[in-house]
Amino acid sequence: MAERRVTVVAEVGLHARPAATFVQAAAKAPIEVSVCKLNRDPVNAKSILAVMGLDVRQGEEIVITAEGEGAEELLDELAAIASAP
């Protein structure tokens, strides 16, 4: 299982447009993808409600995990979305 730790940079955190972009990128991959805040249970990264429910704010760290073929590339893409200003 591949993993990335990312600090969310966007002013709105992982909400609204950044969350939608993140979920759309995760949903296009045919592999399992999850995201969580530190010391929290992971949620399905392909679910907008689950991602919004994490209430990730600017400056908080998230952990994104994926398992399957193409996991590393997908994690790179998701990390770039989460760390974009």
N, C-alpha and C. Protein backbone atom coordinates (compact mmCIF):
# COMPACT_ATOMS: atom_id res chain seq x y z
N MET A 1 0.85 -1.18 0.00
CA MET A 1 0.00 0.00 0.00
C MET A 1 0.89 1.24 0.00
N ALA A 2 0.59 2.14 -0.92
CA ALA A 2 1.35 3.38 -1.04
C ALA A 2 0.67 4.47 -0.20
N GLU A 3 1.49 5.41 0.27
CA GLU A 3 0.98 6.45 1.17
C GLU A 3 1.68 7.77 0.92
N ARG A 4 0.95 8.86 1.08
CA ARG A 4 1.52 10.21 1.03
C ARG A 4 0.98 11.01 2.20
N ARG A 5 1.85 11.79 2.83
CA ARG A 5 1.45 12.74 3.87
C ARG A 5 1.57 14.12 3.25
N VAL A 6 0.49 14.89 3.34
CA VAL A 6 0.44 16.18 2.66
C VAL A 6 -0.14 17.23 3.60
N THR A 7 0.44 18.42 3.58
CA THR A 7 -0.13 19.55 4.31
C THR A 7 -1.01 20.32 3.35
N VAL A 8 -2.25 20.54 3.74
CA VAL A 8 -3.22 21.24 2.90
C VAL A 8 -2.91 22.73 2.95
N VAL A 9 -2.75 23.33 1.78
CA VAL A 9 -2.32 24.72 1.67
C VAL A 9 -3.48 25.67 1.36
N ALA A 10 -4.48 25.22 0.64
CA ALA A 10 -5.58 26.09 0.21
C ALA A 10 -6.23 26.79 1.39
N GLU A 11 -6.58 28.04 1.20
CA GLU A 11 -7.20 28.85 2.25
C GLU A 11 -8.48 28.22 2.79
N VAL A 12 -9.23 27.56 1.90
CA VAL A 12 -10.50 26.93 2.30
C VAL A 12 -10.30 25.51 2.78
N GLY A 13 -9.05 25.05 2.84
CA GLY A 13 -8.78 23.68 3.24
C GLY A 13 -9.18 22.72 2.14
N LEU A 14 -9.62 21.54 2.52
CA LEU A 14 -10.06 20.55 1.53
C LEU A 14 -11.58 20.57 1.49
N HIS A 15 -12.11 21.74 1.09
CA HIS A 15 -13.55 21.97 1.01
C HIS A 15 -13.88 22.55 -0.35
N ALA A 16 -15.14 22.52 -0.70
CA ALA A 16 -15.66 23.12 -1.92
C ALA A 16 -14.89 22.66 -3.16
N ARG A 17 -14.35 23.60 -3.90
CA ARG A 17 -13.69 23.27 -5.17
C ARG A 17 -12.48 22.35 -4.99
N PRO A 18 -11.56 22.59 -4.04
CA PRO A 18 -10.44 21.66 -3.88
C PRO A 18 -10.91 20.23 -3.57
N ALA A 19 -11.95 20.10 -2.77
CA ALA A 19 -12.47 18.77 -2.44
C ALA A 19 -13.06 18.10 -3.67
N ALA A 20 -13.80 18.85 -4.47
CA ALA A 20 -14.40 18.30 -5.68
C ALA A 20 -13.33 17.84 -6.67
N THR A 21 -12.30 18.64 -6.84
CA THR A 21 -11.20 18.28 -7.74
C THR A 21 -10.49 17.03 -7.22
N PHE A 22 -10.26 16.97 -5.93
CA PHE A 22 -9.60 15.83 -5.28
C PHE A 22 -10.42 14.54 -5.51
N VAL A 23 -11.72 14.61 -5.25
CA VAL A 23 -12.59 13.44 -5.39
C VAL A 23 -12.70 13.01 -6.84
N GLN A 24 -12.80 13.94 -7.77
CA GLN A 24 -12.88 13.59 -9.19
C GLN A 24 -11.62 12.85 -9.64
N ALA A 25 -10.46 13.31 -9.19
CA ALA A 25 -9.20 12.64 -9.55
C ALA A 25 -9.15 11.24 -8.95
N ALA A 26 -9.58 11.10 -7.71
CA ALA A 26 -9.57 9.79 -7.05
C ALA A 26 -10.55 8.84 -7.73
N ALA A 27 -11.72 9.35 -8.11
CA ALA A 27 -12.78 8.52 -8.68
C ALA A 27 -12.43 7.96 -10.06
N LYS A 28 -11.55 8.61 -10.77
CA LYS A 28 -11.22 8.12 -12.11
C LYS A 28 -10.29 6.89 -12.08
N ALA A 29 -9.72 6.61 -10.93
CA ALA A 29 -8.81 5.47 -10.80
C ALA A 29 -9.56 4.22 -10.36
N PRO A 30 -9.26 3.08 -10.98
CA PRO A 30 -9.96 1.83 -10.63
C PRO A 30 -9.32 1.11 -9.44
N ILE A 31 -8.82 1.87 -8.48
CA ILE A 31 -8.18 1.27 -7.31
C ILE A 31 -8.75 1.88 -6.03
N GLU A 32 -8.47 1.22 -4.90
CA GLU A 32 -8.93 1.71 -3.60
C GLU A 32 -8.10 2.92 -3.19
N VAL A 33 -8.78 3.99 -2.78
CA VAL A 33 -8.10 5.21 -2.34
C VAL A 33 -8.79 5.72 -1.08
N SER A 34 -7.99 6.05 -0.07
CA SER A 34 -8.57 6.60 1.15
C SER A 34 -7.77 7.81 1.61
N VAL A 35 -8.41 8.61 2.46
CA VAL A 35 -7.76 9.81 2.99
C VAL A 35 -8.19 9.95 4.45
N CYS A 36 -7.30 10.48 5.27
CA CYS A 36 -7.65 10.71 6.67
C CYS A 36 -6.81 11.85 7.23
N LYS A 37 -7.31 12.42 8.32
CA LYS A 37 -6.51 13.34 9.11
C LYS A 37 -5.67 12.46 10.04
N LEU A 38 -4.61 13.00 10.56
CA LEU A 38 -3.77 12.23 11.48
C LEU A 38 -4.58 11.74 12.67
N ASN A 39 -4.36 10.50 13.05
CA ASN A 39 -5.02 9.87 14.19
C ASN A 39 -6.54 9.78 14.04
N ARG A 40 -7.01 9.70 12.82
CA ARG A 40 -8.43 9.53 12.53
C ARG A 40 -8.60 8.33 11.62
N ASP A 41 -9.81 7.80 11.56
CA ASP A 41 -10.10 6.70 10.65
C ASP A 41 -10.13 7.20 9.22
N PRO A 42 -9.62 6.40 8.28
CA PRO A 42 -9.65 6.80 6.87
C PRO A 42 -11.06 6.74 6.29
N VAL A 43 -11.29 7.57 5.28
CA VAL A 43 -12.57 7.57 4.56
C VAL A 43 -12.28 7.35 3.08
N ASN A 44 -13.31 6.99 2.35
CA ASN A 44 -13.21 6.77 0.92
C ASN A 44 -12.93 8.11 0.22
N ALA A 45 -11.80 8.19 -0.47
CA ALA A 45 -11.41 9.42 -1.14
C ALA A 45 -12.24 9.69 -2.39
N LYS A 46 -13.09 8.73 -2.78
CA LYS A 46 -13.94 8.89 -3.95
C LYS A 46 -15.32 9.44 -3.59
N SER A 47 -15.55 9.70 -2.31
CA SER A 47 -16.84 10.19 -1.83
C SER A 47 -16.72 11.65 -1.39
N ILE A 48 -17.42 12.53 -2.07
CA ILE A 48 -17.36 13.95 -1.72
C ILE A 48 -17.88 14.18 -0.30
N LEU A 49 -18.92 13.48 0.10
CA LEU A 49 -19.45 13.65 1.45
C LEU A 49 -18.46 13.21 2.51
N ALA A 50 -17.76 12.11 2.25
CA ALA A 50 -16.77 11.62 3.21
C ALA A 50 -15.59 12.58 3.32
N VAL A 51 -15.12 13.08 2.19
CA VAL A 51 -13.98 14.00 2.19
C VAL A 51 -14.36 15.32 2.87
N MET A 52 -15.53 15.85 2.55
CA MET A 52 -15.98 17.09 3.19
C MET A 52 -16.18 16.88 4.69
N GLY A 53 -16.63 15.69 5.07
CA GLY A 53 -16.86 15.37 6.47
C GLY A 53 -15.61 15.34 7.32
N LEU A 54 -14.44 15.22 6.68
CA LEU A 54 -13.19 15.24 7.43
C LEU A 54 -12.91 16.62 8.02
N ASP A 55 -13.49 17.66 7.42
CA ASP A 55 -13.30 19.03 7.87
C ASP A 55 -11.82 19.41 7.93
N VAL A 56 -11.12 19.17 6.82
CA VAL A 56 -9.69 19.48 6.73
C VAL A 56 -9.52 20.96 6.47
N ARG A 57 -8.75 21.61 7.32
CA ARG A 57 -8.53 23.06 7.21
C ARG A 57 -7.11 23.36 6.77
N GLN A 58 -6.91 24.58 6.35
CA GLN A 58 -5.59 25.03 5.90
C GLN A 58 -4.54 24.73 6.97
N GLY A 59 -3.42 24.17 6.54
CA GLY A 59 -2.31 23.89 7.45
C GLY A 59 -2.37 22.52 8.11
N GLU A 60 -3.48 21.80 7.96
CA GLU A 60 -3.58 20.47 8.55
C GLU A 60 -2.96 19.43 7.62
N GLU A 61 -2.46 18.37 8.23
CA GLU A 61 -1.84 17.29 7.46
C GLU A 61 -2.85 16.17 7.24
N ILE A 62 -2.85 15.63 6.02
CA ILE A 62 -3.68 14.48 5.70
C ILE A 62 -2.79 13.34 5.23
N VAL A 63 -3.32 12.14 5.31
CA VAL A 63 -2.63 10.96 4.82
C VAL A 63 -3.51 10.34 3.75
N ILE A 64 -2.94 10.21 2.55
CA ILE A 64 -3.66 9.61 1.43
C ILE A 64 -3.03 8.26 1.14
N THR A 65 -3.84 7.21 1.04
CA THR A 65 -3.33 5.88 0.75
C THR A 65 -4.06 5.30 -0.45
N ALA A 66 -3.34 4.46 -1.20
CA ALA A 66 -3.93 3.79 -2.37
C ALA A 66 -3.25 2.45 -2.52
N GLU A 67 -4.02 1.51 -3.05
CA GLU A 67 -3.48 0.17 -3.27
C GLU A 67 -3.91 -0.33 -4.63
N GLY A 68 -2.93 -0.73 -5.43
CA GLY A 68 -3.21 -1.26 -6.76
C GLY A 68 -2.27 -0.67 -7.78
N GLU A 69 -2.47 -1.11 -9.01
CA GLU A 69 -1.63 -0.64 -10.10
C GLU A 69 -1.89 0.84 -10.37
N GLY A 70 -0.82 1.61 -10.43
CA GLY A 70 -0.94 3.05 -10.66
C GLY A 70 -1.10 3.86 -9.38
N ALA A 71 -0.96 3.21 -8.23
CA ALA A 71 -1.16 3.90 -6.95
C ALA A 71 -0.19 5.07 -6.76
N GLU A 72 1.06 4.87 -7.08
CA GLU A 72 2.06 5.93 -6.88
C GLU A 72 1.74 7.18 -7.70
N GLU A 73 1.36 6.98 -8.96
CA GLU A 73 1.03 8.10 -9.83
C GLU A 73 -0.22 8.82 -9.34
N LEU A 74 -1.22 8.05 -8.93
CA LEU A 74 -2.44 8.65 -8.41
C LEU A 74 -2.16 9.46 -7.15
N LEU A 75 -1.35 8.91 -6.26
CA LEU A 75 -1.03 9.63 -5.03
C LEU A 75 -0.27 10.92 -5.31
N ASP A 76 0.60 10.89 -6.32
CA ASP A 76 1.30 12.12 -6.69
C ASP A 76 0.31 13.18 -7.15
N GLU A 77 -0.68 12.76 -7.94
CA GLU A 77 -1.69 13.70 -8.44
C GLU A 77 -2.55 14.25 -7.30
N LEU A 78 -3.00 13.37 -6.40
CA LEU A 78 -3.82 13.81 -5.28
C LEU A 78 -3.06 14.70 -4.31
N ALA A 79 -1.79 14.37 -4.09
CA ALA A 79 -0.96 15.21 -3.22
C ALA A 79 -0.78 16.60 -3.82
N ALA A 80 -0.63 16.68 -5.13
CA ALA A 80 -0.48 17.98 -5.77
C ALA A 80 -1.76 18.80 -5.64
N ILE A 81 -2.91 18.16 -5.75
CA ILE A 81 -4.19 18.86 -5.58
C ILE A 81 -4.34 19.38 -4.16
N ALA A 82 -4.03 18.52 -3.19
CA ALA A 82 -4.20 18.88 -1.78
C ALA A 82 -3.22 19.98 -1.34
N SER A 83 -2.05 20.02 -1.97
CA SER A 83 -1.05 21.00 -1.55
C SER A 83 -1.04 22.26 -2.42
N ALA A 84 -1.98 22.36 -3.34
CA ALA A 84 -2.05 23.56 -4.20
C ALA A 84 -2.66 24.72 -3.40
N PRO A 85 -2.12 25.93 -3.60
CA PRO A 85 -2.67 27.09 -2.89
C PRO A 85 -4.03 27.51 -3.39
